[in-house]
């Protein structure tokens, strides 16, 4: 894969539920925490910095933050973050962030969810391919987790 191809990840899934239901699963911190496998005492709101701690077995206890960018009800939810698992002792404050966008649209039979993470081309060369690869697999897992959660949760 050439570097130019490592700039954005895009994943799509149709969830057999109304947009309102999918939106709630994305933007209610209580529901989000269940399918994304994390814990937080914060809440999502534009301009908020939300601290999360992973509950996923592969990275249990790892803390990370997302900076909420936009919340256009039932259409767009976005944040910026430092992608990838944080490495101990590394200061990421000067590293560029990537932008994660969840876009919702009505389709026959449900809601199309498109997840785009962009900005990998701004990361250092030594981190870019590794982080991109991990997030590519991670987003595939997360959209399936979202779909399963919405399908089975009341």
Protein backbone atom coordinates (compact mmCIF):
# COMPACT_ATOMS: atom_id res chain seq x y z
CA UNK A 1 0.00 0.00 0.00
CA UNK A 2 1.43 3.39 -0.94
CA UNK A 3 1.44 6.31 1.47
CA UNK A 4 -1.26 8.21 -0.45
CA UNK A 5 -3.66 5.33 0.22
CA UNK A 6 -3.04 5.61 3.96
CA UNK A 7 -4.93 8.87 4.39
CA UNK A 8 -8.50 7.73 5.20
CA UNK A 9 -10.55 4.73 6.26
CA UNK A 10 -14.19 4.39 5.24
CA UNK A 11 -16.59 1.69 6.46
CA UNK A 12 -20.32 1.34 5.77
CA UNK A 13 -23.05 -0.80 7.24
CA UNK A 14 -26.84 -0.87 6.99
CA UNK A 15 -28.49 -1.19 10.38
CA UNK A 16 -32.08 -2.39 10.36
CA UNK A 17 -33.31 0.36 12.67
CA UNK A 18 -34.54 3.93 12.35
CA UNK A 19 -31.98 6.76 12.35
CA UNK A 20 -33.26 7.97 15.71
CA UNK A 21 -32.36 4.62 17.30
CA UNK A 22 -28.91 4.47 15.70
CA UNK A 23 -28.25 8.09 16.70
CA UNK A 24 -29.03 7.27 20.32
CA UNK A 25 -26.62 4.30 20.24
CA UNK A 26 -23.90 6.61 18.89
CA UNK A 27 -24.41 9.67 21.07
CA UNK A 28 -25.69 8.42 24.41
CA UNK A 29 -22.51 7.82 26.39
CA UNK A 30 -24.22 4.96 28.25
CA UNK A 31 -25.14 3.16 25.03
CA UNK A 32 -21.91 4.06 23.24
CA UNK A 33 -19.88 2.58 26.10
CA UNK A 34 -21.57 -0.81 25.68
CA UNK A 35 -20.83 -1.39 22.00
CA UNK A 36 -17.54 0.55 21.85
CA UNK A 37 -16.38 -1.21 25.02
CA UNK A 38 -15.28 1.67 27.17
CA UNK A 39 -16.24 3.57 30.31
CA UNK A 40 -16.61 7.31 30.82
CA UNK A 41 -18.13 9.69 33.34
CA UNK A 42 -18.36 12.42 30.70
CA UNK A 43 -21.03 13.09 28.08
CA UNK A 44 -20.91 13.87 24.39
CA UNK A 45 -21.47 17.51 23.45
CA UNK A 46 -19.90 19.73 20.77
CA UNK A 47 -16.64 21.18 22.09
CA UNK A 48 -16.36 18.64 24.93
CA UNK A 49 -13.25 16.63 25.66
CA UNK A 50 -14.40 13.15 26.64
CA UNK A 51 -12.05 10.88 28.56
CA UNK A 52 -12.63 7.16 28.02
CA UNK A 53 -11.11 4.00 29.47
CA UNK A 54 -11.21 0.85 27.39
CA UNK A 55 -12.96 -2.25 28.74
CA UNK A 56 -12.02 -4.38 25.71
CA UNK A 57 -9.89 -7.38 26.67
CA UNK A 58 -7.12 -6.49 24.18
CA UNK A 59 -6.51 -3.06 25.75
CA UNK A 60 -8.36 -3.07 29.06
CA UNK A 61 -7.61 0.00 31.18
CA UNK A 62 -6.10 2.08 28.37
CA UNK A 63 -7.26 5.70 28.67
CA UNK A 64 -7.80 7.99 25.70
CA UNK A 65 -9.64 11.23 24.92
CA UNK A 66 -11.84 12.39 22.08
CA UNK A 67 -12.63 16.02 21.29
CA UNK A 68 -16.21 16.25 20.06
CA UNK A 69 -16.46 18.33 16.88
CA UNK A 70 -20.02 18.19 15.56
CA UNK A 71 -23.34 16.69 16.56
CA UNK A 72 -25.98 17.27 13.88
CA UNK A 73 -28.91 15.24 15.25
CA UNK A 74 -29.52 11.98 13.42
CA UNK A 75 -27.05 12.99 10.66
CA UNK A 76 -23.46 13.57 11.81
CA UNK A 77 -21.40 12.84 14.93
CA UNK A 78 -17.68 13.60 14.78
CA UNK A 79 -14.61 13.81 16.98
CA UNK A 80 -10.85 14.26 16.81
CA UNK A 81 -8.42 12.00 18.59
CA UNK A 82 -4.89 10.68 18.63
CA UNK A 83 -5.36 7.34 16.87
CA UNK A 84 -3.87 4.02 17.90
CA UNK A 85 -2.95 2.66 21.28
CA UNK A 86 -0.99 5.20 23.30
CA UNK A 87 2.58 4.18 23.94
CA UNK A 88 3.88 4.71 27.50
CA UNK A 89 6.05 7.80 27.86
CA UNK A 90 5.12 9.30 24.47
CA UNK A 91 3.76 12.87 24.40
CA UNK A 92 1.09 13.04 21.70
CA UNK A 93 0.12 16.65 22.36
CA UNK A 94 2.12 17.89 19.35
CA UNK A 95 1.07 15.08 17.02
CA UNK A 96 -1.79 15.80 14.61
CA UNK A 97 -5.15 14.20 15.32
CA UNK A 98 -7.41 12.31 12.96
CA UNK A 99 -11.07 13.13 12.38
CA UNK A 100 -13.70 10.42 12.96
CA UNK A 101 -17.12 10.99 11.39
CA UNK A 102 -20.27 8.92 11.75
CA UNK A 103 -22.77 9.85 9.02
CA UNK A 104 -26.33 8.52 9.07
CA UNK A 105 -28.78 8.36 6.20
CA UNK A 106 -32.07 6.62 5.57
CA UNK A 107 -31.96 3.68 3.19
CA UNK A 108 -34.51 1.04 2.35
CA UNK A 109 -34.90 -1.15 5.39
CA UNK A 110 -32.98 0.97 7.87
CA UNK A 111 -30.09 3.36 8.36
CA UNK A 112 -26.82 3.50 6.45
CA UNK A 113 -23.95 4.27 8.84
CA UNK A 114 -20.76 5.52 7.21
CA UNK A 115 -17.69 5.83 9.41
CA UNK A 116 -14.78 7.81 8.00
CA UNK A 117 -11.49 8.41 9.77
CA UNK A 118 -9.26 10.85 7.92
CA UNK A 119 -5.96 12.60 8.44
CA UNK A 120 -3.58 9.63 8.65
CA UNK A 121 -1.39 11.31 6.04
CA UNK A 122 -0.57 13.97 8.65
CA UNK A 123 0.92 11.41 11.07
CA UNK A 124 4.63 10.69 11.22
CA UNK A 125 5.84 8.09 8.71
CA UNK A 126 7.07 5.79 11.48
CA UNK A 127 3.55 5.54 12.97
CA UNK A 128 1.26 5.94 9.95
CA UNK A 129 1.10 2.42 8.44
CA UNK A 130 0.87 0.66 11.82
CA UNK A 131 -1.85 2.97 13.14
CA UNK A 132 -3.78 2.87 9.87
CA UNK A 133 -3.74 -0.93 9.80
CA UNK A 134 -4.90 -1.19 13.41
CA UNK A 135 -7.70 1.35 12.94
CA UNK A 136 -8.84 -0.24 9.67
CA UNK A 137 -9.43 -3.52 11.52
CA UNK A 138 -10.77 -1.68 14.55
CA UNK A 139 -13.46 0.19 12.62
CA UNK A 140 -14.58 -2.99 10.89
CA UNK A 141 -15.02 -4.57 14.31
CA UNK A 142 -16.75 -1.49 15.75
CA UNK A 143 -19.39 -1.11 13.01
CA UNK A 144 -20.33 -4.77 13.43
CA UNK A 145 -20.46 -4.25 17.20
CA UNK A 146 -22.72 -1.19 16.70
CA UNK A 147 -25.03 -3.14 14.41
CA UNK A 148 -25.26 -6.08 16.83
CA UNK A 149 -25.87 -3.76 19.76
CA UNK A 150 -28.70 -1.87 18.03
CA UNK A 151 -30.26 -5.14 16.85
CA UNK A 152 -30.28 -6.73 20.32
CA UNK A 153 -30.66 -3.77 22.73
CA UNK A 154 -34.11 -2.53 23.65
